[in-house]
Amino acid sequence: MDLIAENVARKVWSYNEDVSGWTLAKNSNGITVSWKPSGEYGGNLYRGEGIIEDTPENVIPFMYLPENRLKWDKALKSYSILEWIDEDTAICHTITHSYGMGLISSRDFVDIVRIKRYDGGIVTTNSISVDYPQCPPSSAHVRGCNNPCGYVCSPLTENPDHSKLVVFIQPDLGGMLPRSVVESALPNNVINLISDARAGIKARG
């Protein structure tokens, strides 16, 4: 598992360093979402970017720990940590609400998540779906697969009390969904994720 976690951290950081070939998909409320063809599967890799009014060391735990995330992430029906592998690595189980006006039914994902820090106060989450026998697929949800994904949270140079949050997602949602339905829904999901996190942090005070 440690090798899987380190490999996905390298991939997420490489996405963050990759500045060419992105196409703007949507811009709303100070949040931009861009895409490029994924190197992992037949869909796209999405990059969302926005400003959050807190420091990376506060933002990242707020975004991935269940006791925080369930308070603000409106896309989630359930979210839990199944196992802590070490202090920076966990196996997480996520169940989403249906979305796209019911076109996309509830999904569940089992992912390994690694928290990794870089110079300059940058804090990241790095995730990929894994097989975890203790949490087999259920008929209540379609089991999806998260290709390498994560958050890169950096302090703003001009205002270190605020952060730039960059979100990378490229989920294979499984089931029989037309690719066009998935690709039209995902940019909105990224915008909602950053907007909900931003609102949740403000509400927390």
N, C-alpha and C. Protein backbone atom coordinates (compact mmCIF):
# COMPACT_ATOMS: atom_id res chain seq x y z
N MET A 1 0.82 -1.21 0.00
CA MET A 1 0.00 0.00 0.00
C MET A 1 0.86 1.27 0.00
N ASP A 2 2.01 1.20 0.69
CA ASP A 2 2.87 2.38 0.77
C ASP A 2 3.37 2.78 -0.62
N LEU A 3 3.72 1.78 -1.43
CA LEU A 3 4.20 2.06 -2.79
C LEU A 3 3.08 2.69 -3.63
N ILE A 4 1.85 2.17 -3.49
CA ILE A 4 0.71 2.74 -4.21
C ILE A 4 0.54 4.21 -3.83
N ALA A 5 0.60 4.49 -2.53
CA ALA A 5 0.38 5.86 -2.05
C ALA A 5 1.47 6.80 -2.56
N GLU A 6 2.72 6.35 -2.55
CA GLU A 6 3.81 7.21 -3.03
C GLU A 6 3.71 7.45 -4.53
N ASN A 7 3.31 6.42 -5.27
CA ASN A 7 3.16 6.58 -6.72
C ASN A 7 2.07 7.58 -7.06
N VAL A 8 0.95 7.52 -6.35
CA VAL A 8 -0.14 8.46 -6.66
C VAL A 8 0.26 9.88 -6.25
N ALA A 9 1.03 10.03 -5.18
CA ALA A 9 1.51 11.36 -4.80
C ALA A 9 2.40 11.95 -5.89
N ARG A 10 3.25 11.13 -6.48
CA ARG A 10 4.09 11.62 -7.58
C ARG A 10 3.25 12.06 -8.76
N LYS A 11 2.21 11.28 -9.06
CA LYS A 11 1.36 11.62 -10.21
C LYS A 11 0.60 12.93 -9.97
N VAL A 12 0.01 13.08 -8.79
CA VAL A 12 -0.74 14.30 -8.50
C VAL A 12 0.18 15.51 -8.56
N TRP A 13 1.39 15.37 -8.04
CA TRP A 13 2.33 16.50 -8.10
C TRP A 13 2.71 16.80 -9.55
N SER A 14 2.84 15.78 -10.38
CA SER A 14 3.16 16.01 -11.79
C SER A 14 2.01 16.74 -12.50
N TYR A 15 0.77 16.44 -12.12
CA TYR A 15 -0.37 17.19 -12.69
C TYR A 15 -0.27 18.66 -12.30
N ASN A 16 0.10 18.90 -11.05
CA ASN A 16 0.20 20.27 -10.56
C ASN A 16 1.29 21.05 -11.29
N GLU A 17 2.36 20.36 -11.67
CA GLU A 17 3.48 21.00 -12.36
C GLU A 17 3.22 21.18 -13.85
N ASP A 18 2.22 20.49 -14.37
CA ASP A 18 1.93 20.50 -15.81
C ASP A 18 1.07 21.71 -16.16
N VAL A 19 1.65 22.67 -16.85
CA VAL A 19 0.92 23.92 -17.12
C VAL A 19 0.45 24.03 -18.57
N SER A 20 0.72 23.03 -19.39
CA SER A 20 0.37 23.16 -20.82
C SER A 20 -0.74 22.19 -21.20
N GLY A 21 -1.51 22.58 -22.22
CA GLY A 21 -2.49 21.68 -22.81
C GLY A 21 -3.83 21.63 -22.12
N TRP A 22 -4.08 22.52 -21.16
CA TRP A 22 -5.35 22.55 -20.46
C TRP A 22 -6.36 23.40 -21.24
N THR A 23 -7.61 22.93 -21.31
CA THR A 23 -8.69 23.66 -21.97
C THR A 23 -9.71 24.09 -20.93
N LEU A 24 -10.06 25.39 -20.93
CA LEU A 24 -11.03 25.89 -19.96
C LEU A 24 -12.39 25.26 -20.19
N ALA A 25 -12.97 24.70 -19.13
CA ALA A 25 -14.31 24.10 -19.22
C ALA A 25 -15.37 25.01 -18.62
N LYS A 26 -15.04 25.67 -17.50
CA LYS A 26 -16.04 26.49 -16.81
C LYS A 26 -15.33 27.45 -15.86
N ASN A 27 -15.95 28.60 -15.68
CA ASN A 27 -15.43 29.62 -14.77
C ASN A 27 -16.62 30.19 -14.01
N SER A 28 -16.64 30.04 -12.70
CA SER A 28 -17.80 30.48 -11.93
C SER A 28 -17.37 30.87 -10.52
N ASN A 29 -17.79 32.05 -10.07
CA ASN A 29 -17.60 32.46 -8.69
C ASN A 29 -16.12 32.41 -8.26
N GLY A 30 -15.25 32.82 -9.18
CA GLY A 30 -13.82 32.83 -8.86
C GLY A 30 -13.17 31.46 -8.89
N ILE A 31 -13.85 30.47 -9.43
CA ILE A 31 -13.32 29.11 -9.54
C ILE A 31 -13.22 28.75 -11.03
N THR A 32 -12.08 28.28 -11.44
CA THR A 32 -11.92 27.84 -12.84
C THR A 32 -11.73 26.33 -12.89
N VAL A 33 -12.30 25.71 -13.92
CA VAL A 33 -12.13 24.28 -14.15
C VAL A 33 -11.64 24.09 -15.57
N SER A 34 -10.53 23.37 -15.71
CA SER A 34 -9.95 23.06 -17.01
C SER A 34 -9.82 21.55 -17.14
N TRP A 35 -9.59 21.09 -18.37
CA TRP A 35 -9.47 19.66 -18.59
C TRP A 35 -8.42 19.37 -19.65
N LYS A 36 -7.96 18.14 -19.64
CA LYS A 36 -7.12 17.60 -20.71
C LYS A 36 -7.36 16.10 -20.74
N PRO A 37 -7.09 15.44 -21.86
CA PRO A 37 -7.30 13.99 -21.89
C PRO A 37 -6.47 13.29 -20.82
N SER A 38 -7.10 12.35 -20.15
CA SER A 38 -6.41 11.60 -19.10
C SER A 38 -5.43 10.60 -19.70
N GLY A 39 -4.33 10.41 -19.01
CA GLY A 39 -3.39 9.36 -19.39
C GLY A 39 -3.69 8.04 -18.70
N GLU A 40 -4.77 8.02 -17.87
CA GLU A 40 -5.08 6.85 -17.05
C GLU A 40 -6.25 6.03 -17.60
N TYR A 41 -7.21 6.72 -18.27
CA TYR A 41 -8.39 6.01 -18.79
C TYR A 41 -8.95 6.82 -19.95
N GLY A 42 -10.11 6.43 -20.48
CA GLY A 42 -10.62 7.05 -21.69
C GLY A 42 -11.30 8.39 -21.51
N GLY A 43 -11.38 8.90 -20.29
CA GLY A 43 -12.02 10.18 -20.02
C GLY A 43 -11.02 11.30 -19.90
N ASN A 44 -11.39 12.33 -19.15
CA ASN A 44 -10.56 13.51 -18.98
C ASN A 44 -10.06 13.66 -17.55
N LEU A 45 -8.95 14.36 -17.43
CA LEU A 45 -8.42 14.82 -16.15
C LEU A 45 -8.90 16.25 -15.97
N TYR A 46 -9.54 16.54 -14.83
CA TYR A 46 -10.05 17.88 -14.55
C TYR A 46 -9.22 18.55 -13.47
N ARG A 47 -9.01 19.85 -13.68
CA ARG A 47 -8.26 20.67 -12.73
C ARG A 47 -9.15 21.85 -12.31
N GLY A 48 -9.48 21.93 -11.02
CA GLY A 48 -10.24 23.06 -10.50
C GLY A 48 -9.36 23.90 -9.61
N GLU A 49 -9.58 25.21 -9.63
CA GLU A 49 -8.70 26.10 -8.88
C GLU A 49 -9.50 27.25 -8.28
N GLY A 50 -9.28 27.53 -7.00
CA GLY A 50 -9.95 28.64 -6.33
C GLY A 50 -9.20 29.03 -5.06
N ILE A 51 -9.59 30.16 -4.49
CA ILE A 51 -8.96 30.67 -3.28
C ILE A 51 -9.82 30.31 -2.07
N ILE A 52 -9.17 29.83 -1.01
CA ILE A 52 -9.83 29.48 0.24
C ILE A 52 -9.27 30.37 1.34
N GLU A 53 -10.14 30.89 2.20
CA GLU A 53 -9.71 31.84 3.23
C GLU A 53 -9.23 31.14 4.49
N ASP A 54 -8.16 30.37 4.36
CA ASP A 54 -7.50 29.75 5.51
C ASP A 54 -6.17 29.18 5.03
N THR A 55 -5.38 28.68 5.96
CA THR A 55 -4.04 28.17 5.62
C THR A 55 -4.13 26.70 5.18
N PRO A 56 -3.16 26.23 4.39
CA PRO A 56 -3.18 24.82 3.96
C PRO A 56 -3.27 23.83 5.10
N GLU A 57 -2.60 24.08 6.20
CA GLU A 57 -2.62 23.14 7.33
C GLU A 57 -4.01 23.04 7.97
N ASN A 58 -4.84 24.06 7.77
CA ASN A 58 -6.22 24.00 8.24
C ASN A 58 -7.17 23.48 7.16
N VAL A 59 -6.90 23.87 5.91
CA VAL A 59 -7.81 23.52 4.81
C VAL A 59 -7.82 22.01 4.56
N ILE A 60 -6.65 21.39 4.48
CA ILE A 60 -6.59 19.98 4.08
C ILE A 60 -7.29 19.06 5.10
N PRO A 61 -7.05 19.18 6.41
CA PRO A 61 -7.83 18.35 7.34
C PRO A 61 -9.33 18.61 7.24
N PHE A 62 -9.70 19.86 7.00
CA PHE A 62 -11.11 20.21 6.85
C PHE A 62 -11.72 19.48 5.66
N MET A 63 -10.91 19.23 4.63
CA MET A 63 -11.44 18.65 3.40
C MET A 63 -11.46 17.13 3.39
N TYR A 64 -10.64 16.47 4.22
CA TYR A 64 -10.62 15.00 4.08
C TYR A 64 -10.99 14.23 5.35
N LEU A 65 -10.94 14.85 6.52
CA LEU A 65 -11.32 14.10 7.72
C LEU A 65 -12.85 14.02 7.81
N PRO A 66 -13.41 12.83 8.08
CA PRO A 66 -14.87 12.67 8.08
C PRO A 66 -15.60 13.62 9.01
N GLU A 67 -15.04 13.87 10.19
CA GLU A 67 -15.75 14.73 11.15
C GLU A 67 -15.91 16.16 10.62
N ASN A 68 -15.07 16.53 9.66
CA ASN A 68 -15.19 17.84 9.02
C ASN A 68 -15.96 17.75 7.70
N ARG A 69 -15.57 16.81 6.86
CA ARG A 69 -16.08 16.80 5.49
C ARG A 69 -17.59 16.56 5.42
N LEU A 70 -18.09 15.73 6.29
CA LEU A 70 -19.53 15.44 6.26
C LEU A 70 -20.38 16.65 6.60
N LYS A 71 -19.77 17.68 7.21
CA LYS A 71 -20.52 18.89 7.56
C LYS A 71 -20.71 19.81 6.36
N TRP A 72 -19.83 19.70 5.35
CA TRP A 72 -19.89 20.71 4.28
C TRP A 72 -20.06 20.11 2.87
N ASP A 73 -19.64 18.88 2.64
CA ASP A 73 -19.66 18.35 1.27
C ASP A 73 -21.04 17.80 0.93
N LYS A 74 -21.80 18.61 0.20
CA LYS A 74 -23.20 18.26 -0.09
C LYS A 74 -23.33 17.10 -1.07
N ALA A 75 -22.23 16.73 -1.75
CA ALA A 75 -22.29 15.63 -2.72
C ALA A 75 -22.28 14.27 -2.04
N LEU A 76 -21.91 14.23 -0.76
CA LEU A 76 -21.68 12.94 -0.10
C LEU A 76 -22.88 12.49 0.73
N LYS A 77 -23.23 11.24 0.57
CA LYS A 77 -24.22 10.59 1.42
C LYS A 77 -23.53 10.00 2.65
N SER A 78 -22.32 9.49 2.46
CA SER A 78 -21.57 8.87 3.56
C SER A 78 -20.08 8.96 3.24
N TYR A 79 -19.27 9.10 4.29
CA TYR A 79 -17.82 9.17 4.11
C TYR A 79 -17.17 8.71 5.40
N SER A 80 -16.31 7.71 5.31
CA SER A 80 -15.70 7.17 6.53
C SER A 80 -14.28 6.70 6.25
N ILE A 81 -13.48 6.67 7.30
CA ILE A 81 -12.14 6.10 7.22
C ILE A 81 -12.23 4.66 7.73
N LEU A 82 -11.88 3.71 6.85
CA LEU A 82 -11.96 2.29 7.19
C LEU A 82 -10.75 1.83 7.98
N GLU A 83 -9.60 2.44 7.68
CA GLU A 83 -8.36 2.01 8.35
C GLU A 83 -7.31 3.11 8.21
N TRP A 84 -6.62 3.39 9.31
CA TRP A 84 -5.43 4.23 9.27
C TRP A 84 -4.23 3.32 9.08
N ILE A 85 -3.48 3.52 8.00
CA ILE A 85 -2.28 2.72 7.75
C ILE A 85 -1.09 3.32 8.49
N ASP A 86 -0.98 4.64 8.45
CA ASP A 86 -0.05 5.37 9.31
C ASP A 86 -0.66 6.76 9.51
N GLU A 87 0.07 7.66 10.15
CA GLU A 87 -0.55 8.95 10.51
C GLU A 87 -0.90 9.81 9.30
N ASP A 88 -0.32 9.50 8.13
CA ASP A 88 -0.60 10.28 6.93
C ASP A 88 -1.28 9.47 5.83
N THR A 89 -1.71 8.25 6.12
CA THR A 89 -2.26 7.37 5.09
C THR A 89 -3.46 6.62 5.62
N ALA A 90 -4.57 6.65 4.86
CA ALA A 90 -5.80 6.00 5.30
C ALA A 90 -6.51 5.36 4.12
N ILE A 91 -7.35 4.37 4.43
CA ILE A 91 -8.29 3.81 3.45
C ILE A 91 -9.65 4.45 3.75
N CYS A 92 -10.24 5.07 2.73
CA CYS A 92 -11.51 5.79 2.90
C CYS A 92 -12.60 5.19 2.03
N HIS A 93 -13.82 5.24 2.54
CA HIS A 93 -15.00 4.77 1.79
C HIS A 93 -15.95 5.95 1.62
N THR A 94 -16.26 6.26 0.36
CA THR A 94 -17.11 7.40 0.02
C THR A 94 -18.35 6.91 -0.71
N ILE A 95 -19.52 7.41 -0.30
CA ILE A 95 -20.77 7.14 -1.02
C ILE A 95 -21.37 8.49 -1.41
N THR A 96 -21.64 8.66 -2.71
CA THR A 96 -22.19 9.93 -3.19
C THR A 96 -23.71 9.86 -3.30
N HIS A 97 -24.32 11.05 -3.25
CA HIS A 97 -25.71 11.16 -3.65
C HIS A 97 -25.79 10.99 -5.17
N SER A 98 -26.99 10.69 -5.67
CA SER A 98 -27.17 10.75 -7.12
C SER A 98 -27.06 12.21 -7.55
N TYR A 99 -26.67 12.45 -8.80
CA TYR A 99 -26.56 13.83 -9.26
C TYR A 99 -26.84 13.90 -10.75
N GLY A 100 -26.73 15.13 -11.30
CA GLY A 100 -27.13 15.33 -12.69
C GLY A 100 -28.62 15.11 -12.85
N MET A 101 -29.42 15.65 -11.88
CA MET A 101 -30.88 15.48 -11.88
C MET A 101 -31.28 14.01 -11.94
N GLY A 102 -30.50 13.19 -11.24
CA GLY A 102 -30.81 11.77 -11.15
C GLY A 102 -30.26 10.92 -12.28
N LEU A 103 -29.61 11.58 -13.26
CA LEU A 103 -29.04 10.82 -14.38
C LEU A 103 -27.92 9.91 -13.93
N ILE A 104 -27.18 10.37 -12.90
CA ILE A 104 -26.06 9.59 -12.39
C ILE A 104 -26.43 9.12 -10.99
N SER A 105 -26.63 7.83 -10.83
CA SER A 105 -27.08 7.29 -9.55
C SER A 105 -25.93 7.26 -8.53
N SER A 106 -26.25 6.92 -7.31
CA SER A 106 -25.27 6.90 -6.23
C SER A 106 -24.09 5.99 -6.57
N ARG A 107 -22.90 6.49 -6.31
CA ARG A 107 -21.65 5.73 -6.49
C ARG A 107 -20.97 5.54 -5.15
N ASP A 108 -20.13 4.50 -5.07
CA ASP A 108 -19.24 4.41 -3.93
C ASP A 108 -17.83 4.12 -4.40
N PHE A 109 -16.86 4.57 -3.59
CA PHE A 109 -15.44 4.47 -3.92
C PHE A 109 -14.69 4.04 -2.67
N VAL A 110 -13.69 3.18 -2.85
CA VAL A 110 -12.77 2.83 -1.77
C VAL A 110 -11.37 3.26 -2.22
N ASP A 111 -10.81 4.22 -1.50
CA ASP A 111 -9.55 4.84 -1.93
C ASP A 111 -8.51 4.80 -0.83
N ILE A 112 -7.25 4.76 -1.23
CA ILE A 112 -6.17 5.05 -0.32
C ILE A 112 -5.87 6.55 -0.45
N VAL A 113 -5.69 7.22 0.68
CA VAL A 113 -5.41 8.66 0.71
C VAL A 113 -4.10 8.88 1.45
N ARG A 114 -3.18 9.58 0.82
CA ARG A 114 -1.90 9.93 1.44
C ARG A 114 -1.79 11.45 1.55
N ILE A 115 -1.53 11.94 2.76
CA ILE A 115 -1.26 13.36 2.97
C ILE A 115 0.25 13.57 2.81
N LYS A 116 0.62 14.53 1.99
CA LYS A 116 2.04 14.78 1.74
C LYS A 116 2.30 16.28 1.73
N ARG A 117 3.39 16.67 2.37
CA ARG A 117 3.77 18.08 2.46
C ARG A 117 5.00 18.35 1.61
N TYR A 118 5.04 19.56 1.07
CA TYR A 118 6.17 20.01 0.26
C TYR A 118 6.69 21.33 0.82
N ASP A 119 7.90 21.69 0.38
CA ASP A 119 8.50 22.96 0.82
C ASP A 119 7.56 24.12 0.49
N GLY A 120 7.64 25.16 1.30
CA GLY A 120 6.83 26.35 1.05
C GLY A 120 5.46 26.28 1.69
N GLY A 121 5.25 25.32 2.59
CA GLY A 121 3.97 25.24 3.29
C GLY A 121 2.86 24.59 2.49
N ILE A 122 3.22 23.85 1.41
CA ILE A 122 2.21 23.20 0.57
C ILE A 122 1.79 21.88 1.21
N VAL A 123 0.48 21.66 1.29
CA VAL A 123 -0.07 20.41 1.82
C VAL A 123 -0.97 19.80 0.75
N THR A 124 -0.85 18.48 0.55
CA THR A 124 -1.60 17.81 -0.51
C THR A 124 -2.30 16.56 0.02
N THR A 125 -3.42 16.20 -0.65
CA THR A 125 -3.99 14.86 -0.51
C THR A 125 -3.79 14.16 -1.84
N ASN A 126 -3.58 12.86 -1.78
CA ASN A 126 -3.27 12.08 -2.98
C ASN A 126 -4.01 10.75 -2.87
N SER A 127 -4.92 10.49 -3.82
CA SER A 127 -5.84 9.37 -3.68
C SER A 127 -5.92 8.54 -4.95
N ILE A 128 -6.21 7.25 -4.76
CA ILE A 128 -6.50 6.35 -5.87
C ILE A 128 -7.33 5.19 -5.32
N SER A 129 -8.21 4.65 -6.15
CA SER A 129 -9.02 3.52 -5.68
C SER A 129 -8.18 2.26 -5.54
N VAL A 130 -8.54 1.46 -4.53
CA VAL A 130 -7.83 0.21 -4.26
C VAL A 130 -8.85 -0.90 -3.99
N ASP A 131 -8.40 -2.14 -4.16
CA ASP A 131 -9.21 -3.29 -3.73
C ASP A 131 -9.03 -3.45 -2.23
N TYR A 132 -10.14 -3.55 -1.52
CA TYR A 132 -10.09 -3.66 -0.07
C TYR A 132 -11.15 -4.68 0.33
N PRO A 133 -10.73 -5.92 0.59
CA PRO A 133 -11.69 -7.01 0.80
C PRO A 133 -12.71 -6.76 1.90
N GLN A 134 -12.34 -5.95 2.88
CA GLN A 134 -13.26 -5.69 3.99
C GLN A 134 -14.43 -4.78 3.57
N CYS A 135 -14.36 -4.22 2.36
CA CYS A 135 -15.45 -3.34 1.89
C CYS A 135 -15.77 -3.70 0.43
N PRO A 136 -16.42 -4.85 0.23
CA PRO A 136 -16.73 -5.27 -1.15
C PRO A 136 -17.84 -4.42 -1.75
N PRO A 137 -17.99 -4.46 -3.08
CA PRO A 137 -19.09 -3.71 -3.73
C PRO A 137 -20.45 -4.15 -3.19
N SER A 138 -21.38 -3.19 -3.19
CA SER A 138 -22.74 -3.43 -2.69
C SER A 138 -23.73 -3.17 -3.82
N SER A 139 -24.83 -3.90 -3.80
CA SER A 139 -25.86 -3.70 -4.83
C SER A 139 -26.58 -2.36 -4.66
N ALA A 140 -26.37 -1.70 -3.52
CA ALA A 140 -27.03 -0.42 -3.27
C ALA A 140 -26.40 0.73 -4.04
N HIS A 141 -25.15 0.51 -4.52
CA HIS A 141 -24.42 1.58 -5.22
C HIS A 141 -23.65 0.97 -6.38
N VAL A 142 -23.33 1.81 -7.34
CA VAL A 142 -22.41 1.40 -8.41
C VAL A 142 -20.99 1.70 -7.92
N ARG A 143 -20.12 0.71 -7.94
CA ARG A 143 -18.73 0.91 -7.49
C ARG A 143 -17.95 1.66 -8.59
N GLY A 144 -17.49 2.84 -8.23
CA GLY A 144 -16.67 3.63 -9.15
C GLY A 144 -15.19 3.43 -8.85
N CYS A 145 -14.37 3.99 -9.72
CA CYS A 145 -12.91 3.88 -9.56
C CYS A 145 -12.29 5.25 -9.73
N ASN A 146 -11.64 5.73 -8.68
CA ASN A 146 -10.92 6.99 -8.78
C ASN A 146 -9.52 6.74 -9.32
N ASN A 147 -9.25 7.27 -10.51
CA ASN A 147 -7.88 7.33 -10.99
C ASN A 147 -7.15 8.38 -10.16
N PRO A 148 -5.81 8.48 -10.27
CA PRO A 148 -5.07 9.40 -9.40
C PRO A 148 -5.73 10.77 -9.30
N CYS A 149 -5.99 11.21 -8.07
CA CYS A 149 -6.70 12.47 -7.85
C CYS A 149 -6.19 13.07 -6.54
N GLY A 150 -6.56 14.31 -6.28
CA GLY A 150 -6.13 14.91 -5.03
C GLY A 150 -6.28 16.41 -4.99
N TYR A 151 -5.85 16.98 -3.85
CA TYR A 151 -5.88 18.41 -3.63
C TYR A 151 -4.44 18.88 -3.41
N VAL A 152 -4.12 20.04 -4.00
CA VAL A 152 -2.83 20.70 -3.74
C VAL A 152 -3.15 22.08 -3.17
N CYS A 153 -2.78 22.31 -1.93
CA CYS A 153 -3.15 23.53 -1.23
C CYS A 153 -1.89 24.31 -0.87
N SER A 154 -1.77 25.52 -1.42
CA SER A 154 -0.55 26.32 -1.27
C SER A 154 -0.89 27.67 -0.65
N PRO A 155 -0.04 28.16 0.28
CA PRO A 155 -0.30 29.50 0.84
C PRO A 155 -0.12 30.56 -0.24
N LEU A 156 -1.00 31.58 -0.22
CA LEU A 156 -0.85 32.69 -1.16
C LEU A 156 0.32 33.55 -0.72
N THR A 157 1.21 33.83 -1.65
CA THR A 157 2.39 34.65 -1.32
C THR A 157 1.97 36.01 -0.79
N GLU A 158 0.96 36.61 -1.42
CA GLU A 158 0.54 37.96 -1.03
C GLU A 158 -0.34 37.97 0.22
N ASN A 159 -0.85 36.79 0.62
CA ASN A 159 -1.69 36.70 1.82
C ASN A 159 -1.59 35.29 2.37
N PRO A 160 -0.58 35.03 3.20
CA PRO A 160 -0.33 33.65 3.69
C PRO A 160 -1.46 33.06 4.52
N ASP A 161 -2.41 33.89 4.96
CA ASP A 161 -3.57 33.37 5.70
C ASP A 161 -4.63 32.80 4.76
N HIS A 162 -4.44 32.97 3.44
CA HIS A 162 -5.32 32.39 2.44
C HIS A 162 -4.54 31.38 1.62
N SER A 163 -5.26 30.50 0.94
CA SER A 163 -4.61 29.43 0.18
C SER A 163 -5.18 29.36 -1.24
N LYS A 164 -4.33 28.91 -2.14
CA LYS A 164 -4.81 28.49 -3.46
C LYS A 164 -5.04 26.99 -3.39
N LEU A 165 -6.27 26.58 -3.67
CA LEU A 165 -6.61 25.16 -3.68
C LEU A 165 -6.77 24.70 -5.12
N VAL A 166 -6.01 23.69 -5.49
CA VAL A 166 -6.12 23.08 -6.82
C VAL A 166 -6.61 21.64 -6.62
N VAL A 167 -7.68 21.29 -7.33
CA VAL A 167 -8.31 19.98 -7.21
C VAL A 167 -8.14 19.23 -8.53
N PHE A 168 -7.68 17.99 -8.46
CA PHE A 168 -7.56 17.14 -9.66
C PHE A 168 -8.48 15.93 -9.49
N ILE A 169 -9.36 15.68 -10.47
CA ILE A 169 -10.20 14.48 -10.44
C ILE A 169 -10.23 13.84 -11.82
N GLN A 170 -10.37 12.53 -11.85
CA GLN A 170 -10.55 11.78 -13.11
C GLN A 170 -11.23 10.45 -12.78
N PRO A 171 -12.48 10.51 -12.30
CA PRO A 171 -13.15 9.28 -11.85
C PRO A 171 -13.74 8.49 -13.00
N ASP A 172 -13.60 7.17 -12.92
CA ASP A 172 -14.34 6.26 -13.79
C ASP A 172 -15.57 5.84 -12.98
N LEU A 173 -16.72 6.36 -13.38
CA LEU A 173 -17.93 6.19 -12.56
C LEU A 173 -18.57 4.82 -12.70
N GLY A 174 -18.09 4.00 -13.63
CA GLY A 174 -18.65 2.66 -13.79
C GLY A 174 -20.07 2.71 -14.32
N GLY A 175 -20.75 1.57 -14.34
CA GLY A 175 -22.11 1.53 -14.85
C GLY A 175 -22.15 1.69 -16.37
N MET A 176 -23.31 2.07 -16.87
CA MET A 176 -23.54 2.15 -18.31
C MET A 176 -23.72 3.58 -18.79
N LEU A 177 -23.14 4.54 -18.08
CA LEU A 177 -23.36 5.94 -18.42
C LEU A 177 -22.68 6.33 -19.73
N PRO A 178 -23.37 7.08 -20.59
CA PRO A 178 -22.69 7.65 -21.75
C PRO A 178 -21.59 8.60 -21.30
N ARG A 179 -20.45 8.54 -21.97
CA ARG A 179 -19.33 9.40 -21.61
C ARG A 179 -19.72 10.87 -21.61
N SER A 180 -20.59 11.28 -22.55
CA SER A 180 -20.97 12.70 -22.64
C SER A 180 -21.69 13.17 -21.38
N VAL A 181 -22.49 12.30 -20.77
CA VAL A 181 -23.20 12.66 -19.54
C VAL A 181 -22.21 12.90 -18.41
N VAL A 182 -21.23 12.01 -18.31
CA VAL A 182 -20.23 12.12 -17.26
C VAL A 182 -19.41 13.39 -17.42
N GLU A 183 -18.94 13.63 -18.65
CA GLU A 183 -18.03 14.76 -18.87
C GLU A 183 -18.76 16.10 -18.75
N SER A 184 -20.07 16.12 -18.94
CA SER A 184 -20.80 17.37 -18.75
C SER A 184 -21.05 17.64 -17.27
N ALA A 185 -21.12 16.59 -16.46
CA ALA A 185 -21.42 16.75 -15.03
C ALA A 185 -20.18 17.09 -14.20
N LEU A 186 -19.01 16.58 -14.58
CA LEU A 186 -17.85 16.67 -13.71
C LEU A 186 -17.35 18.10 -13.46
N PRO A 187 -17.31 19.00 -14.47
CA PRO A 187 -16.88 20.37 -14.14
C PRO A 187 -17.73 21.03 -13.07
N ASN A 188 -19.05 20.82 -13.13
CA ASN A 188 -19.92 21.37 -12.08
C ASN A 188 -19.61 20.76 -10.72
N ASN A 189 -19.30 19.47 -10.70
CA ASN A 189 -18.95 18.81 -9.43
C ASN A 189 -17.72 19.45 -8.80
N VAL A 190 -16.73 19.78 -9.63
CA VAL A 190 -15.50 20.40 -9.11
C VAL A 190 -15.81 21.79 -8.55
N ILE A 191 -16.60 22.56 -9.28
CA ILE A 191 -16.97 23.90 -8.80
C ILE A 191 -17.74 23.80 -7.49
N ASN A 192 -18.68 22.87 -7.41
CA ASN A 192 -19.45 22.70 -6.18
C ASN A 192 -18.58 22.28 -5.01
N LEU A 193 -17.60 21.40 -5.28
CA LEU A 193 -16.69 20.96 -4.22
C LEU A 193 -15.94 22.13 -3.61
N ILE A 194 -15.34 22.97 -4.47
CA ILE A 194 -14.55 24.10 -3.97
C ILE A 194 -15.47 25.14 -3.32
N SER A 195 -16.63 25.40 -3.92
CA SER A 195 -17.58 26.36 -3.34
C SER A 195 -18.07 25.90 -1.97
N ASP A 196 -18.40 24.61 -1.86
CA ASP A 196 -18.90 24.08 -0.58
C ASP A 196 -17.80 24.11 0.49
N ALA A 197 -16.56 23.80 0.10
CA ALA A 197 -15.46 23.86 1.06
C ALA A 197 -15.23 25.29 1.52
N ARG A 198 -15.27 26.21 0.59
CA ARG A 198 -15.09 27.63 0.90
C ARG A 198 -16.18 28.11 1.89
N ALA A 199 -17.43 27.74 1.59
CA ALA A 199 -18.55 28.14 2.46
C ALA A 199 -18.44 27.47 3.83
N GLY A 200 -18.02 26.20 3.84
CA GLY A 200 -17.89 25.48 5.11
C GLY A 200 -16.84 26.09 6.01
N ILE A 201 -15.72 26.51 5.43
CA ILE A 201 -14.65 27.13 6.23
C ILE A 201 -15.10 28.48 6.77
N LYS A 202 -15.82 29.24 5.94
CA LYS A 202 -16.34 30.53 6.42
C LYS A 202 -17.34 30.32 7.56
N ALA A 203 -18.21 29.34 7.41
CA ALA A 203 -19.23 29.07 8.43
C ALA A 203 -18.60 28.61 9.74
N ARG A 204 -17.47 27.92 9.62
CA ARG A 204 -16.79 27.43 10.83
C ARG A 204 -16.23 28.58 11.65
N GLY A 205 -15.93 29.69 10.93
CA GLY A 205 -15.39 30.87 11.61
C GLY A 205 -13.93 30.70 11.91
